Amino acid sequence: MSAPDLPRAHATVVHMLADAAARDANAEALVCQNQRLSYAEYFACVCGFARELQALGARGERVATLLDNSIESCVAAFGALAAGAQHVPLNPLYTPRELDFILRDAAPVILVLHQAFAHTIEPVARNAGVRHCIVVGPGTARLEAWRAGTAALPDLPEAGALALLQYTGGTTGKPKGVNLTHRSIAINVSQREGLLPSRAGERILCMMPISHAYGMAMGLFLAAYCVGTLVILPRYVPQDVLASVPRERISVFPGSPTVFVGLMAHPDFLRTDWRTVRICYSGAAPLSAQTLGRWRDAVGAPVFEGYGQTEAGPVLSFNPVDGPVKPGSVGVPVPLTEIQIVDPETGRRVLAQGERGEIRARGPQIMQGYRNLPVETAETLREGWLYTGDIGELDPDGYLFIRDRKKDMVIVGGYNVYPREIEEVLFLHPDVIDAAAVGAGDAYRGEVVAAYVALRPGAHAGVDELLAHCRDNLAKYKVPARLELLDALPKTSVNKTDKRALKARAANS
């Protein structure tokens, strides 16, 4: 298919929110439990908080936030950007040790945190050199004060200035801070719109952490772009998700493989009224064709899968609304973006269609680099290309298929084995609800594959049956040497399968 045009773009996401408030001040902007804000109130909150941050010296510096999903987390994110600061969103699931490292690396002048974290984290922040801590939450009355305020928006930030410093852990090592400009995050919203156009007044369910790149791109910024309503859940609880869909008349449903699979296993799933939902998004990892079909048949709305990274602003590709949707594929590049497959060894030789190699991408949404990490930046950004560390291939229509992480490839007896392929086969078994495969050391073969499986409620498949299923669908060298049944697979703080934990388990088996 031909590349779509870039829809209307804003210089920054602050411009985007200001435009939304001007277009429809009375439209409902934010909903979280019993709180509801119009765009006029939302914008007043952002302006008031931005002025408060500027008075504390935020402009040209960094402002970190440590907040659960809430209205305050939305106001704080836009307020930091409107104040001319670089926003550093922190995951509230981080431990004090993890936060200490990030705060020292990011060096924010201000930390905005929920009152539930204040007693534990304020001392950590002070020791890390943070000058000001702003505590928000129900007992602080800050939201009420901002909403009633009349502060004007500060001077809008420059498009080329740094906007976000998002920390990404990867699979090993210490977290890396990704520097993104205002231009890169604003244009990425429009790029996604080129493949998945929104409608005015969408009602978007936000169950993913707003502190995460996916929650920002597919929730916070998407809502402001279409003057839609962001319906915020404090955390992902399947029962709350299912109850919110009909109650709030959700039209856009962003999720992840864990969410889609988990909801379909919930006893209330088939009893939920999904009629208002018109489109669903998924990221993090490809969904099996079986899962996609079951969801579409039950909900009546398709799941459009996409691909991206924090380093890519974050969206690189999506299955398009106006083109074929290919199960197992993460779609085609968003406008103004090139994606190539190159040899994993040198990264210089472009491979032919159908050949597997490392995915590299370039476009206006790509990061400027990692904070304080020049060597890692030089390894990841080469001659304008972002080297993703993911293994994939392009089909004749230009659709991208993710096969695995470059560093997760397992070499069994000299053969390259990609765990994702094994996982897809395991998902084909009707008793399997979740599965993951990792490499494990082996004295004879160097490495073997270890697989971990969780079964659907009431299912009874055993290890021997699942291994026989693998032998029926995989070459002999790809069949897991070990397979273990677990009640549930370990997850990271953003609900991805924690392969580091599984690799550690495999190493100790």
Protein backbone atom coordinates (compact mmCIF):
# COMPACT_ATOMS: atom_id res chain seq x y z
CA MET A 1 0.00 0.00 0.00
CA SER A 2 1.14 3.59 -0.61
CA ALA A 3 2.36 5.67 2.32
CA PRO A 4 -0.45 7.74 3.90
CA ASP A 5 -0.25 11.51 4.22
CA LEU A 6 0.62 13.12 7.54
CA PRO A 7 -2.55 14.50 9.18
CA ARG A 8 -2.70 17.88 10.90
CA ALA A 9 0.32 18.28 13.17
CA HIS A 10 0.98 20.57 16.14
CA ALA A 11 4.30 22.16 17.06
CA THR A 12 4.08 20.61 20.55
CA VAL A 13 1.55 18.63 22.55
CA VAL A 14 1.02 21.76 24.68
CA HIS A 15 -0.16 23.53 21.52
CA MET A 16 -2.39 20.49 20.98
CA LEU A 17 -4.04 20.81 24.40
CA ALA A 18 -4.46 24.57 24.03
CA ASP A 19 -6.13 24.02 20.66
CA ALA A 20 -8.47 21.40 22.15
CA ALA A 21 -9.55 23.75 24.94
CA ALA A 22 -10.17 26.52 22.41
CA ARG A 23 -12.17 24.25 20.10
CA ASP A 24 -14.53 22.84 22.74
CA ALA A 25 -14.02 24.17 26.25
CA ASN A 26 -17.08 22.41 27.64
CA ALA A 27 -16.25 18.96 26.28
CA GLU A 28 -15.48 16.32 28.90
CA ALA A 29 -11.72 15.85 29.00
CA LEU A 30 -10.83 13.61 31.95
CA VAL A 31 -12.72 11.04 33.98
CA CYS A 32 -11.23 9.17 36.92
CA GLN A 33 -13.56 7.43 39.36
CA ASN A 34 -15.79 10.23 40.74
CA GLN A 35 -13.79 13.12 39.24
CA ARG A 36 -14.67 14.71 35.90
CA LEU A 37 -13.01 17.70 34.22
CA SER A 38 -14.00 19.68 31.13
CA TYR A 39 -11.35 20.92 28.73
CA ALA A 40 -11.69 24.41 30.20
CA GLU A 41 -11.00 23.04 33.69
CA TYR A 42 -8.21 20.77 32.42
CA PHE A 43 -6.49 23.67 30.67
CA ALA A 44 -6.87 25.91 33.74
CA CYS A 45 -5.22 23.21 35.86
CA VAL A 46 -2.31 22.89 33.45
CA CYS A 47 -1.80 26.66 33.27
CA GLY A 48 -1.93 27.04 37.07
CA PHE A 49 0.47 24.18 37.70
CA ALA A 50 2.86 25.34 34.97
CA ARG A 51 3.07 28.77 36.62
CA GLU A 52 3.75 27.11 39.98
CA LEU A 53 6.55 25.03 38.47
CA GLN A 54 8.08 28.04 36.74
CA ALA A 55 8.18 29.93 40.04
CA LEU A 56 10.32 27.09 41.42
CA GLY A 57 12.81 27.32 38.56
CA ALA A 58 11.50 24.57 36.28
CA ARG A 59 12.03 26.26 32.90
CA GLY A 60 14.98 24.72 31.10
CA GLU A 61 15.35 22.07 33.81
CA ARG A 62 13.74 18.70 34.50
CA VAL A 63 10.57 17.93 36.46
CA ALA A 64 10.03 14.32 37.59
CA THR A 65 6.64 12.85 38.44
CA LEU A 66 5.87 9.80 40.58
CA LEU A 67 2.13 9.34 40.26
CA ASP A 68 -0.41 6.57 39.85
CA ASN A 69 -2.93 6.92 37.03
CA SER A 70 -5.06 9.90 38.05
CA ILE A 71 -6.24 13.30 36.88
CA GLU A 72 -3.23 14.79 38.68
CA SER A 73 -0.88 12.64 36.57
CA CYS A 74 -2.34 14.15 33.38
CA VAL A 75 -2.17 17.71 34.73
CA ALA A 76 1.39 17.19 35.96
CA ALA A 77 2.57 15.80 32.61
CA PHE A 78 1.18 18.71 30.58
CA GLY A 79 2.06 21.21 33.33
CA ALA A 80 5.74 20.25 33.24
CA LEU A 81 5.83 20.57 29.45
CA ALA A 82 3.94 23.89 29.52
CA ALA A 83 6.42 25.22 32.10
CA GLY A 84 9.25 24.72 29.61
CA ALA A 85 10.72 21.80 31.57
CA GLN A 86 11.66 18.32 30.46
CA HIS A 87 9.22 15.86 32.00
CA VAL A 88 10.67 12.75 33.66
CA PRO A 89 7.80 10.28 34.26
CA LEU A 90 8.69 7.66 36.89
CA ASN A 91 6.97 4.33 37.36
CA PRO A 92 5.28 4.23 40.80
CA LEU A 93 6.15 0.53 41.04
CA TYR A 94 9.87 1.32 41.19
CA THR A 95 11.63 0.60 44.46
CA PRO A 96 13.49 3.33 46.39
CA ARG A 97 16.77 1.85 45.13
CA GLU A 98 15.64 2.11 41.49
CA LEU A 99 14.32 5.64 42.02
CA ASP A 100 17.55 6.74 43.66
CA PHE A 101 19.53 5.76 40.56
CA ILE A 102 17.14 7.48 38.14
CA LEU A 103 16.82 10.68 40.18
CA ARG A 104 20.59 11.01 40.41
CA ASP A 105 20.94 10.42 36.66
CA ALA A 106 18.08 12.71 35.63
CA ALA A 107 18.89 15.44 38.16
CA PRO A 108 15.39 16.99 38.28
CA VAL A 109 14.93 20.21 40.25
CA ILE A 110 11.35 19.22 41.19
CA LEU A 111 9.65 15.93 42.01
CA VAL A 112 5.84 15.79 41.90
CA LEU A 113 4.63 12.77 43.86
CA HIS A 114 1.45 11.34 45.27
CA GLN A 115 0.95 11.73 48.99
CA ALA A 116 0.95 7.92 49.40
CA PHE A 117 4.63 7.88 48.37
CA ALA A 118 5.76 11.01 50.19
CA HIS A 119 6.92 9.46 53.48
CA THR A 120 9.10 6.85 51.73
CA ILE A 121 10.33 8.71 48.67
CA GLU A 122 10.85 12.33 49.79
CA PRO A 123 14.03 11.41 51.73
CA VAL A 124 15.32 9.50 48.69
CA ALA A 125 14.66 12.54 46.49
CA ARG A 126 16.37 14.96 48.88
CA ASN A 127 19.44 12.71 49.09
CA ALA A 128 19.53 12.54 45.30
CA GLY A 129 19.66 16.33 45.07
CA VAL A 130 16.03 17.17 44.24
CA ARG A 131 15.39 20.71 45.45
CA HIS A 132 11.59 20.74 45.64
CA CYS A 133 8.99 18.05 46.28
CA ILE A 134 5.36 18.82 45.41
CA VAL A 135 2.86 16.44 47.02
CA VAL A 136 -0.50 15.93 45.30
CA GLY A 137 -3.52 13.78 46.06
CA PRO A 138 -6.99 13.96 47.58
CA GLY A 139 -5.80 15.51 50.83
CA THR A 140 -3.83 18.35 49.26
CA ALA A 141 -6.65 20.27 47.48
CA ARG A 142 -4.22 21.30 44.75
CA LEU A 143 -6.46 20.07 41.93
CA GLU A 144 -9.38 22.15 43.20
CA ALA A 145 -7.18 25.24 43.43
CA TRP A 146 -5.81 24.85 39.91
CA ARG A 147 -9.26 24.20 38.44
CA ALA A 148 -10.61 27.44 39.90
CA GLY A 149 -7.54 29.42 38.83
CA THR A 150 -7.21 32.00 36.08
CA ALA A 151 -3.48 31.75 35.31
CA ALA A 152 -2.47 32.29 31.70
CA LEU A 153 -0.46 29.72 29.80
CA PRO A 154 3.28 30.49 29.95
CA ASP A 155 5.22 31.10 26.75
CA LEU A 156 4.89 27.96 24.69
CA PRO A 157 7.99 25.76 24.44
CA GLU A 158 10.12 25.55 21.31
CA ALA A 159 9.51 22.50 19.13
CA GLY A 160 13.18 21.55 19.19
CA ALA A 161 13.54 21.69 22.97
CA LEU A 162 13.72 18.53 25.07
CA ALA A 163 10.26 17.46 26.25
CA LEU A 164 10.52 13.97 27.73
CA LEU A 165 13.18 11.97 29.52
CA GLN A 166 11.71 8.48 29.68
CA TYR A 167 13.66 5.68 31.32
CA THR A 168 13.66 2.28 29.70
CA GLY A 169 15.21 -0.74 31.31
CA GLY A 170 15.61 -3.01 28.32
CA THR A 171 16.49 -6.58 29.25
CA THR A 172 19.78 -6.03 31.10
CA GLY A 173 21.74 -3.33 32.81
CA LYS A 174 20.71 -0.07 34.41
CA PRO A 175 17.83 2.06 33.11
CA LYS A 176 18.63 4.34 30.18
CA GLY A 177 17.09 7.81 29.91
CA VAL A 178 15.64 8.50 26.44
CA ASN A 179 15.72 12.16 25.34
CA LEU A 180 12.74 13.14 23.16
CA THR A 181 11.98 16.61 21.83
CA HIS A 182 8.62 18.38 21.70
CA ARG A 183 8.65 18.01 17.92
CA SER A 184 9.23 14.25 18.05
CA ILE A 185 6.39 13.42 20.44
CA ALA A 186 3.92 15.82 18.79
CA ILE A 187 4.58 14.63 15.27
CA ASN A 188 4.36 11.00 16.39
CA VAL A 189 0.75 11.59 17.44
CA SER A 190 -0.02 12.76 13.91
CA GLN A 191 1.97 9.91 12.39
CA ARG A 192 -0.16 7.36 14.20
CA GLU A 193 -3.28 9.24 13.06
CA GLY A 194 -2.15 8.63 9.48
CA LEU A 195 -2.84 4.90 9.91
CA LEU A 196 -5.45 4.95 12.69
CA PRO A 197 -7.51 8.14 12.31
CA SER A 198 -9.47 9.12 15.40
CA ARG A 199 -12.86 10.83 15.48
CA ALA A 200 -13.80 13.97 17.35
CA GLY A 201 -15.01 13.19 20.85
CA GLU A 202 -13.60 9.68 21.18
CA ARG A 203 -13.93 8.07 24.60
CA ILE A 204 -10.62 6.37 25.32
CA LEU A 205 -10.04 3.87 28.11
CA CYS A 206 -6.67 4.33 29.82
CA MET A 207 -5.72 1.30 31.91
CA MET A 208 -2.03 1.34 30.94
CA PRO A 209 0.32 3.42 33.13
CA ILE A 210 0.34 7.06 32.03
CA SER A 211 3.98 7.11 33.15
CA HIS A 212 4.77 4.70 30.29
CA ALA A 213 5.36 5.68 26.66
CA TYR A 214 2.40 3.58 25.47
CA GLY A 215 -0.01 5.14 27.97
CA MET A 216 1.07 8.63 26.93
CA ALA A 217 0.95 8.08 23.20
CA MET A 218 -2.22 5.98 23.03
CA GLY A 219 -4.06 7.71 25.85
CA LEU A 220 -2.91 11.08 27.15
CA PHE A 221 -1.86 12.65 23.85
CA LEU A 222 -4.43 10.85 21.68
CA ALA A 223 -7.30 12.28 23.76
CA ALA A 224 -6.00 15.84 23.45
CA TYR A 225 -5.53 15.45 19.69
CA CYS A 226 -9.15 14.46 19.02
CA VAL A 227 -10.69 16.54 21.86
CA GLY A 228 -11.75 13.23 23.33
CA THR A 229 -12.47 11.97 26.83
CA LEU A 230 -9.73 10.06 28.61
CA VAL A 231 -11.36 7.60 31.02
CA ILE A 232 -8.62 6.77 33.51
CA LEU A 233 -8.44 3.62 35.61
CA PRO A 234 -6.02 3.88 38.54
CA ARG A 235 -4.69 0.44 37.64
CA TYR A 236 -5.48 -2.56 35.47
CA VAL A 237 -8.15 -4.65 37.22
CA PRO A 238 -10.06 -6.86 34.73
CA GLN A 239 -13.40 -6.44 36.50
CA ASP A 240 -13.03 -2.64 36.53
CA VAL A 241 -12.10 -2.61 32.84
CA LEU A 242 -15.15 -4.66 31.88
CA ALA A 243 -17.46 -2.51 34.01
CA SER A 244 -16.07 0.75 32.58
CA VAL A 245 -16.64 -0.11 28.91
CA PRO A 246 -20.46 0.17 28.89
CA ARG A 247 -20.70 2.67 31.75
CA GLU A 248 -18.40 5.21 30.07
CA ARG A 249 -19.40 4.32 26.48
CA ILE A 250 -15.81 3.57 25.49
CA SER A 251 -15.08 3.86 21.77
CA VAL A 252 -11.28 3.37 21.71
CA PHE A 253 -9.74 0.48 23.63
CA PRO A 254 -5.91 0.44 23.82
CA GLY A 255 -4.53 -2.74 25.34
CA SER A 256 -1.72 -5.27 25.23
CA PRO A 257 -1.53 -9.04 24.67
CA THR A 258 -1.72 -9.64 28.42
CA VAL A 259 -4.86 -7.50 28.65
CA PHE A 260 -6.67 -9.08 25.72
CA VAL A 261 -5.86 -12.64 26.75
CA GLY A 262 -6.64 -11.97 30.42
CA LEU A 263 -9.99 -10.32 29.73
CA MET A 264 -11.15 -13.16 27.51
CA ALA A 265 -10.51 -15.55 30.39
CA HIS A 266 -12.61 -13.47 32.79
CA PRO A 267 -16.10 -14.82 33.59
CA ASP A 268 -17.71 -11.42 32.88
CA PHE A 269 -16.13 -11.00 29.44
CA LEU A 270 -18.98 -12.45 27.36
CA ARG A 271 -21.55 -10.66 29.50
CA THR A 272 -20.02 -7.22 28.83
CA ASP A 273 -21.75 -4.86 26.41
CA TRP A 274 -19.06 -3.90 23.88
CA ARG A 275 -21.32 -2.16 21.34
CA THR A 276 -19.75 1.32 21.75
CA VAL A 277 -16.20 0.06 21.11
CA ARG A 278 -15.24 0.65 17.49
CA ILE A 279 -11.46 0.10 17.53
CA CYS A 280 -8.83 -1.61 19.69
CA TYR A 281 -5.06 -1.13 19.71
CA SER A 282 -2.35 -3.51 20.86
CA GLY A 283 1.38 -3.21 21.34
CA ALA A 284 4.24 -4.83 23.29
CA ALA A 285 4.16 -8.18 21.41
CA PRO A 286 2.25 -9.74 18.52
CA LEU A 287 -1.04 -11.48 19.26
CA SER A 288 -1.73 -14.92 17.85
CA ALA A 289 -4.22 -15.16 14.98
CA GLN A 290 -6.43 -17.29 17.24
CA THR A 291 -6.56 -14.56 19.91
CA LEU A 292 -7.29 -11.85 17.34
CA GLY A 293 -10.14 -13.86 15.88
CA ARG A 294 -11.68 -14.72 19.24
CA TRP A 295 -11.58 -11.08 20.34
CA ARG A 296 -13.10 -9.76 17.10
CA ASP A 297 -15.88 -12.35 17.15
CA ALA A 298 -16.80 -11.60 20.76
CA VAL A 299 -16.36 -7.81 20.83
CA GLY A 300 -17.26 -6.90 17.27
CA ALA A 301 -14.27 -4.56 16.91
CA PRO A 302 -10.90 -5.52 15.46
CA VAL A 303 -7.54 -5.22 17.21
CA PHE A 304 -4.98 -3.20 15.25
CA GLU A 305 -1.48 -4.23 16.23
CA GLY A 306 1.47 -1.87 16.17
CA TYR A 307 5.12 -1.65 17.05
CA GLY A 308 7.38 0.90 18.62
CA GLN A 309 9.92 1.70 21.30
CA THR A 310 10.46 4.45 23.81
CA GLU A 311 13.43 5.46 21.64
CA ALA A 312 11.06 5.93 18.69
CA GLY A 313 8.72 8.44 20.23
CA PRO A 314 7.27 5.64 20.55
CA VAL A 315 5.23 4.50 17.47
CA LEU A 316 6.91 3.11 14.35
CA SER A 317 4.21 1.03 12.66
CA PHE A 318 0.60 -0.11 12.83
CA ASN A 319 -1.82 -2.21 10.86
CA PRO A 320 -3.81 0.45 8.99
CA VAL A 321 -7.55 0.99 9.19
CA ASP A 322 -7.70 1.62 5.44
CA GLY A 323 -5.62 -1.38 4.40
CA PRO A 324 -5.26 -5.11 5.00
CA VAL A 325 -4.88 -6.24 8.60
CA LYS A 326 -2.45 -9.13 8.74
CA PRO A 327 -2.49 -11.37 11.84
CA GLY A 328 0.98 -11.71 13.28
CA SER A 329 2.15 -8.48 11.66
CA VAL A 330 2.66 -5.13 13.36
CA GLY A 331 1.72 -3.36 10.15
CA VAL A 332 3.35 -0.76 7.94
CA PRO A 333 5.50 2.27 8.83
CA VAL A 334 3.69 5.40 9.97
CA PRO A 335 4.07 8.45 7.66
CA LEU A 336 7.56 9.95 7.29
CA THR A 337 9.13 6.76 8.64
CA GLU A 338 11.44 4.26 6.93
CA ILE A 339 11.93 0.73 8.22
CA GLN A 340 14.62 -1.61 6.93
CA ILE A 341 15.84 -5.09 7.82
CA VAL A 342 19.63 -5.36 8.02
CA ASP A 343 22.10 -8.11 8.82
CA PRO A 344 22.46 -8.45 12.62
CA GLU A 345 26.25 -8.69 12.51
CA THR A 346 27.18 -5.34 10.92
CA GLY A 347 23.85 -3.57 10.53
CA ARG A 348 24.92 -2.25 7.12
CA ARG A 349 23.65 -4.80 4.62
CA VAL A 350 19.96 -4.33 3.78
CA LEU A 351 18.24 -7.70 3.50
CA ALA A 352 15.67 -8.78 0.94
CA GLN A 353 11.96 -9.20 1.60
CA GLY A 354 11.31 -12.28 3.70
CA GLU A 355 14.80 -12.39 5.18
CA ARG A 356 15.14 -12.03 8.94
CA GLY A 357 17.47 -9.47 10.45
CA GLU A 358 17.67 -6.50 12.78
CA ILE A 359 15.00 -3.82 12.38
CA ARG A 360 16.26 -0.28 11.93
CA ALA A 361 14.14 2.83 11.49
CA ARG A 362 14.44 6.54 10.87
CA GLY A 363 11.98 9.39 11.03
CA PRO A 364 11.28 12.67 12.83
CA GLN A 365 10.03 10.89 15.97
CA ILE A 366 13.35 9.19 16.79
CA MET A 367 15.09 10.13 20.05
CA GLN A 368 18.02 12.51 20.29
CA GLY A 369 19.95 9.96 22.34
CA TYR A 370 20.38 8.50 25.80
CA ARG A 371 21.12 10.87 28.67
CA ASN A 372 24.70 10.62 29.93
CA LEU A 373 25.39 7.54 27.78
CA PRO A 374 27.37 8.56 24.67
CA VAL A 375 28.65 5.04 23.92
CA GLU A 376 25.18 3.47 24.08
CA THR A 377 23.79 6.34 22.00
CA ALA A 378 26.42 5.78 19.32
CA GLU A 379 25.61 2.06 19.24
CA THR A 380 21.86 2.63 18.92
CA LEU A 381 21.83 5.69 16.60
CA ARG A 382 23.99 5.21 13.52
CA GLU A 383 23.93 7.49 10.48
CA GLY A 384 20.40 8.65 11.28
CA TRP A 385 19.03 5.15 11.87
CA LEU A 386 17.66 3.78 15.14
CA TYR A 387 18.85 0.20 15.59
CA THR A 388 16.01 -1.38 17.53
CA GLY A 389 17.64 -4.61 18.69
CA ASP A 390 14.57 -6.49 17.42
CA ILE A 391 14.62 -9.22 14.79
CA GLY A 392 12.00 -9.03 12.06
CA GLU A 393 11.18 -9.32 8.39
CA LEU A 394 9.17 -7.44 5.77
CA ASP A 395 6.71 -9.16 3.45
CA PRO A 396 6.15 -8.17 -0.21
CA ASP A 397 3.50 -5.63 0.84
CA GLY A 398 5.86 -3.89 3.25
CA TYR A 399 4.24 -5.31 6.40
CA LEU A 400 6.58 -5.83 9.32
CA PHE A 401 6.70 -9.05 11.31
CA ILE A 402 8.54 -9.14 14.65
CA ARG A 403 10.31 -12.42 15.20
CA ASP A 404 12.29 -11.75 18.38
CA ARG A 405 14.76 -9.66 20.25
CA LYS A 406 18.22 -9.81 18.73
CA LYS A 407 19.74 -10.60 22.10
CA ASP A 408 17.07 -13.24 22.86
CA MET A 409 17.98 -15.45 19.91
CA VAL A 410 18.93 -18.96 21.04
CA ILE A 411 21.55 -20.98 19.18
CA VAL A 412 20.77 -24.67 19.51
CA GLY A 413 23.38 -26.99 18.02
CA GLY A 414 24.42 -24.27 15.56
CA TYR A 415 20.85 -23.41 14.50
CA ASN A 416 19.27 -20.02 15.22
CA VAL A 417 16.04 -20.41 17.19
CA TYR A 418 13.68 -17.49 17.80
CA PRO A 419 11.62 -17.96 21.00
CA ARG A 420 8.67 -16.05 19.54
CA GLU A 421 8.07 -18.83 17.03
CA ILE A 422 7.88 -21.39 19.84
CA GLU A 423 5.52 -19.15 21.81
CA GLU A 424 3.20 -18.80 18.81
CA VAL A 425 3.00 -22.59 18.51
CA LEU A 426 2.23 -22.96 22.22
CA PHE A 427 -0.54 -20.35 21.91
CA LEU A 428 -2.17 -22.55 19.27
CA HIS A 429 -2.92 -25.15 21.93
CA PRO A 430 -6.48 -24.52 23.19
CA ASP A 431 -5.49 -24.98 26.87
CA VAL A 432 -2.73 -22.34 26.82
CA ILE A 433 -3.48 -18.82 28.08
CA ASP A 434 0.10 -17.53 28.33
CA ALA A 435 3.49 -18.78 27.19
CA ALA A 436 7.10 -17.69 26.93
CA ALA A 437 10.33 -19.29 25.77
CA VAL A 438 13.91 -18.38 26.71
CA GLY A 439 17.39 -19.71 26.17
CA ALA A 440 19.11 -21.78 28.84
CA GLY A 441 22.72 -22.95 29.04
CA ASP A 442 23.40 -26.58 28.17
CA ALA A 443 26.71 -28.39 28.59
CA TYR A 444 26.25 -30.43 25.41
CA ARG A 445 24.43 -28.12 22.96
CA GLY A 446 25.57 -24.77 24.29
CA GLU A 447 21.98 -23.59 24.62
CA VAL A 448 18.55 -25.15 24.69
CA VAL A 449 15.05 -23.71 24.79
CA ALA A 450 13.12 -23.58 28.07
CA ALA A 451 9.39 -22.88 27.84
CA TYR A 452 6.97 -21.71 30.52
CA VAL A 453 3.21 -22.07 30.17
CA ALA A 454 0.10 -20.97 32.07
CA LEU A 455 -3.14 -22.81 31.36
CA ARG A 456 -6.67 -21.46 31.00
CA PRO A 457 -8.90 -21.88 34.06
CA GLY A 458 -10.18 -25.42 34.17
CA ALA A 459 -7.71 -26.71 31.56
CA HIS A 460 -5.76 -29.90 32.25
CA ALA A 461 -3.08 -30.25 29.54
CA GLY A 462 0.12 -31.76 30.89
CA VAL A 463 3.77 -31.26 30.01
CA ASP A 464 3.89 -34.38 27.80
CA GLU A 465 0.85 -33.24 25.80
CA LEU A 466 2.28 -29.75 25.24
CA LEU A 467 5.67 -31.14 24.17
CA ALA A 468 3.92 -33.48 21.74
CA HIS A 469 2.05 -30.44 20.38
CA CYS A 470 5.40 -28.69 19.87
CA ARG A 471 6.90 -31.71 18.16
CA ASP A 472 3.94 -31.74 15.80
CA ASN A 473 4.51 -28.11 14.82
CA LEU A 474 8.23 -27.42 15.11
CA ALA A 475 11.49 -28.76 13.77
CA LYS A 476 13.15 -31.08 16.28
CA TYR A 477 15.86 -28.62 17.29
CA LYS A 478 13.22 -25.98 18.12
CA VAL A 479 11.22 -28.16 20.52
CA PRO A 480 11.78 -27.01 24.11
CA ALA A 481 14.21 -29.16 26.03
CA ARG A 482 12.34 -28.14 29.18
CA LEU A 483 8.72 -27.14 29.68
CA GLU A 484 7.27 -26.04 33.00
CA LEU A 485 3.67 -25.25 33.97
CA LEU A 486 3.19 -22.14 36.11
CA ASP A 487 0.08 -20.63 37.68
CA ALA A 488 1.01 -17.33 35.97
CA LEU A 489 4.03 -16.01 34.11
CA PRO A 490 5.99 -13.23 35.83
CA LYS A 491 5.30 -9.71 34.52
CA THR A 492 7.23 -6.46 34.53
CA SER A 493 5.81 -3.23 35.94
CA VAL A 494 4.29 -2.41 32.52
CA ASN A 495 2.64 -5.84 32.19
CA LYS A 496 5.09 -7.42 29.77
CA THR A 497 6.35 -10.95 30.32
CA ASP A 498 9.46 -10.69 32.50
CA LYS A 499 11.95 -12.71 30.48
CA ARG A 500 14.80 -11.78 32.80
CA ALA A 501 13.00 -13.59 35.61
CA LEU A 502 12.35 -16.59 33.37
CA LYS A 503 15.97 -16.72 32.23
CA ALA A 504 17.07 -16.68 35.87
CA ARG A 505 14.62 -19.49 36.61
CA ALA A 506 15.93 -21.49 33.64
CA ALA A 507 19.54 -20.96 34.73
CA ASN A 508 18.76 -22.32 38.19
CA SER A 509 16.79 -25.35 37.00
